[in-house]
């Protein structure tokens, strides 16, 4: 918690949260993932690892979780916290250019993309670039799972994906909406 508070103060423009994700939010996010063998899950913004931890505990050891985090202290924290997981990789890499990293890693498609990005405060140009690419990198029955503190990107996500389902987690600070898009 101490690390989170410090990084929120130092990097509010990139974090977009006032508290770490609750275990209730993390549990509700993973309900939107159908875990199976040999999956690749991409995570945008692992922060202090609250959601990362639940994904790793639930996923198969023969699956792979690739997390992107641009905040150095969060990245180092998660590197250390999850070093016992052989199927976890973390990169100091922008989500906007996730496709470049996937190409480097020789990954054509992912099963799930779990995002903690603060969509409400990202510039429209960045959103357009990002969401032009995301559907291309999901397998046919893959999903994009995103949480937000408002519904202000619901209409936008409906223009990108055929299906946008909503969930809600009241026990989080602040309460959060979960979008499952496919």
Protein backbone atom coordinates (compact mmCIF):
# COMPACT_ATOMS: atom_id res chain seq x y z
CA UNK A 1 0.00 0.00 0.00
CA UNK A 2 2.85 2.36 0.84
CA UNK A 3 4.38 1.86 -2.63
CA UNK A 4 1.00 2.46 -4.28
CA UNK A 5 0.38 5.74 -2.44
CA UNK A 6 3.87 7.00 -3.26
CA UNK A 7 3.49 6.17 -6.95
CA UNK A 8 0.01 7.72 -7.17
CA UNK A 9 1.44 10.97 -5.84
CA UNK A 10 4.41 10.81 -8.23
CA UNK A 11 2.59 9.54 -11.32
CA UNK A 12 -1.13 10.42 -11.05
CA UNK A 13 -1.28 11.28 -14.74
CA UNK A 14 -0.44 7.66 -15.65
CA UNK A 15 -1.99 5.66 -12.83
CA UNK A 16 -5.55 6.99 -12.77
CA UNK A 17 -6.43 5.29 -9.46
CA UNK A 18 -6.61 6.42 -5.87
CA UNK A 19 -6.20 3.00 -4.25
CA UNK A 20 -4.96 -0.46 -5.25
CA UNK A 21 -7.51 -2.79 -6.82
CA UNK A 22 -9.44 -4.70 -4.18
CA UNK A 23 -9.45 -8.49 -4.00
CA UNK A 24 -13.15 -8.26 -4.96
CA UNK A 25 -12.32 -6.42 -8.17
CA UNK A 26 -9.49 -8.83 -8.97
CA UNK A 27 -11.81 -11.81 -8.36
CA UNK A 28 -14.53 -10.28 -10.54
CA UNK A 29 -12.06 -9.66 -13.35
CA UNK A 30 -10.83 -13.24 -13.42
CA UNK A 31 -14.46 -14.45 -13.58
CA UNK A 32 -14.39 -13.04 -17.12
CA UNK A 33 -11.52 -15.33 -18.10
CA UNK A 34 -12.11 -18.94 -19.12
CA UNK A 35 -8.82 -20.44 -17.97
CA UNK A 36 -7.48 -23.33 -20.02
CA UNK A 37 -4.15 -24.95 -20.93
CA UNK A 38 -1.51 -23.20 -23.06
CA UNK A 39 -3.06 -19.73 -23.06
CA UNK A 40 -1.34 -16.42 -23.50
CA UNK A 41 -2.71 -13.59 -21.38
CA UNK A 42 -1.45 -10.06 -21.91
CA UNK A 43 -1.85 -7.54 -19.09
CA UNK A 44 -1.68 -3.77 -19.52
CA UNK A 45 -0.59 -2.03 -16.31
CA UNK A 46 -0.01 -4.53 -13.53
CA UNK A 47 0.50 -1.77 -10.93
CA UNK A 48 1.17 -3.34 -7.54
CA UNK A 49 0.07 -6.77 -8.80
CA UNK A 50 -3.37 -7.19 -7.22
CA UNK A 51 -4.94 -8.50 -10.45
CA UNK A 52 -1.72 -10.15 -11.63
CA UNK A 53 -1.66 -12.27 -8.47
CA UNK A 54 -5.19 -13.59 -9.04
CA UNK A 55 -4.47 -14.39 -12.70
CA UNK A 56 -1.30 -16.29 -11.81
CA UNK A 57 -3.03 -18.26 -9.06
CA UNK A 58 -5.83 -19.27 -11.43
CA UNK A 59 -4.00 -19.92 -14.69
CA UNK A 60 -2.34 -23.15 -15.77
CA UNK A 61 1.41 -23.44 -15.29
CA UNK A 62 1.70 -24.17 -19.02
CA UNK A 63 0.04 -20.84 -19.84
CA UNK A 64 1.88 -17.53 -20.03
CA UNK A 65 1.17 -14.12 -18.49
CA UNK A 66 2.94 -11.18 -20.10
CA UNK A 67 2.55 -7.91 -18.21
CA UNK A 68 3.43 -4.41 -19.40
CA UNK A 69 4.15 -1.71 -16.84
CA UNK A 70 5.73 1.70 -17.54
CA UNK A 71 6.13 2.65 -13.88
CA UNK A 72 9.61 1.45 -12.80
CA UNK A 73 8.87 0.98 -9.07
CA UNK A 74 5.70 -1.03 -9.86
CA UNK A 75 7.57 -3.09 -12.43
CA UNK A 76 10.40 -3.89 -10.01
CA UNK A 77 7.90 -4.67 -7.25
CA UNK A 78 6.05 -7.16 -9.47
CA UNK A 79 9.29 -8.68 -10.80
CA UNK A 80 10.25 -9.47 -7.23
CA UNK A 81 6.77 -10.42 -6.00
CA UNK A 82 6.12 -12.91 -8.81
CA UNK A 83 9.63 -14.25 -9.48
CA UNK A 84 8.53 -17.73 -8.33
CA UNK A 85 6.20 -18.00 -11.33
CA UNK A 86 8.03 -19.36 -14.38
CA UNK A 87 5.09 -18.44 -16.60
CA UNK A 88 5.20 -14.72 -15.73
CA UNK A 89 7.08 -12.10 -17.73
CA UNK A 90 7.05 -8.36 -17.13
CA UNK A 91 8.31 -5.65 -19.45
CA UNK A 92 8.82 -1.93 -19.01
CA UNK A 93 6.89 -1.28 -22.19
CA UNK A 94 4.08 1.02 -23.25
CA UNK A 95 0.72 -0.56 -23.98
CA UNK A 96 0.40 1.65 -27.08
CA UNK A 97 3.22 -0.32 -28.71
CA UNK A 98 2.27 -3.75 -27.38
CA UNK A 99 2.27 -5.12 -30.92
CA UNK A 100 6.00 -4.42 -31.28
CA UNK A 101 6.74 -6.43 -28.15
CA UNK A 102 4.50 -9.31 -29.26
CA UNK A 103 6.29 -9.36 -32.60
CA UNK A 104 9.66 -9.49 -30.80
CA UNK A 105 8.37 -12.38 -28.70
CA UNK A 106 7.04 -14.07 -31.86
CA UNK A 107 3.46 -14.06 -30.56
CA UNK A 108 0.76 -13.59 -33.19
CA UNK A 109 -2.34 -13.67 -30.97
CA UNK A 110 -3.32 -13.68 -27.30
CA UNK A 111 -6.26 -15.40 -25.63
CA UNK A 112 -7.06 -12.55 -23.25
CA UNK A 113 -5.96 -8.99 -22.79
CA UNK A 114 -6.57 -7.69 -19.26
CA UNK A 115 -6.25 -3.93 -18.95
CA UNK A 116 -5.93 -1.58 -16.01
CA UNK A 117 -5.20 1.39 -18.24
CA UNK A 118 -6.99 4.60 -17.24
CA UNK A 119 -8.93 4.93 -20.52
CA UNK A 120 -10.81 8.00 -19.28
CA UNK A 121 -7.62 10.07 -19.13
CA UNK A 122 -5.76 8.71 -22.17
CA UNK A 123 -5.59 11.06 -25.16
CA UNK A 124 -8.07 10.21 -27.94
CA UNK A 125 -5.22 9.71 -30.43
CA UNK A 126 -3.67 7.05 -28.15
CA UNK A 127 -7.04 5.34 -27.67
CA UNK A 128 -7.58 5.23 -31.43
CA UNK A 129 -4.12 3.71 -32.05
CA UNK A 130 -4.52 1.19 -29.23
CA UNK A 131 -8.00 0.01 -30.11
CA UNK A 132 -7.25 -0.26 -33.79
CA UNK A 133 -4.67 -2.93 -32.86
CA UNK A 134 -6.27 -4.80 -29.94
CA UNK A 135 -8.91 -6.80 -31.88
CA UNK A 136 -6.27 -7.90 -34.41
CA UNK A 137 -4.21 -9.54 -31.66
CA UNK A 138 -7.02 -11.49 -29.97
CA UNK A 139 -7.74 -15.08 -30.99
CA UNK A 140 -11.18 -15.58 -32.55
CA UNK A 141 -12.93 -16.29 -29.25
CA UNK A 142 -10.56 -14.15 -27.16
CA UNK A 143 -11.61 -11.24 -24.97
CA UNK A 144 -10.45 -7.83 -23.88
CA UNK A 145 -11.20 -7.31 -20.17
CA UNK A 146 -10.98 -3.76 -18.82
CA UNK A 147 -12.05 -2.12 -15.61
CA UNK A 148 -12.93 1.56 -15.23
CA UNK A 149 -14.49 3.78 -12.60
CA UNK A 150 -17.14 5.15 -14.96
CA UNK A 151 -19.16 4.19 -18.01
CA UNK A 152 -17.72 6.98 -20.16
CA UNK A 153 -15.93 4.58 -22.59
CA UNK A 154 -18.86 2.17 -23.00
CA UNK A 155 -20.04 3.69 -26.30
CA UNK A 156 -16.46 3.86 -27.57
CA UNK A 157 -15.87 0.16 -26.80
CA UNK A 158 -19.16 -0.71 -28.57
CA UNK A 159 -17.72 0.83 -31.75
CA UNK A 160 -14.62 -1.41 -31.50
CA UNK A 161 -16.08 -4.77 -30.40
CA UNK A 162 -19.14 -6.76 -31.46
CA UNK A 163 -19.97 -7.62 -27.85
CA UNK A 164 -19.43 -5.52 -24.72
CA UNK A 165 -20.70 -7.03 -21.46
CA UNK A 166 -20.68 -5.09 -18.22
CA UNK A 167 -19.98 -6.17 -14.67
CA UNK A 168 -19.77 -4.11 -11.50
CA UNK A 169 -17.72 -4.32 -8.32
CA UNK A 170 -19.13 -2.11 -5.55
CA UNK A 171 -16.49 -3.17 -3.01
CA UNK A 172 -13.55 -1.28 -4.46
CA UNK A 173 -12.26 2.27 -4.00
CA UNK A 174 -13.85 3.69 -6.05
CA UNK A 175 -16.45 1.12 -7.21
CA UNK A 176 -15.51 -0.23 -10.64
CA UNK A 177 -17.18 -1.34 -13.86
CA UNK A 178 -15.74 -4.33 -15.69
CA UNK A 179 -16.02 -4.55 -19.47
CA UNK A 180 -15.66 -7.90 -21.23
CA UNK A 181 -15.29 -7.21 -24.91
CA UNK A 182 -15.12 -9.66 -27.78
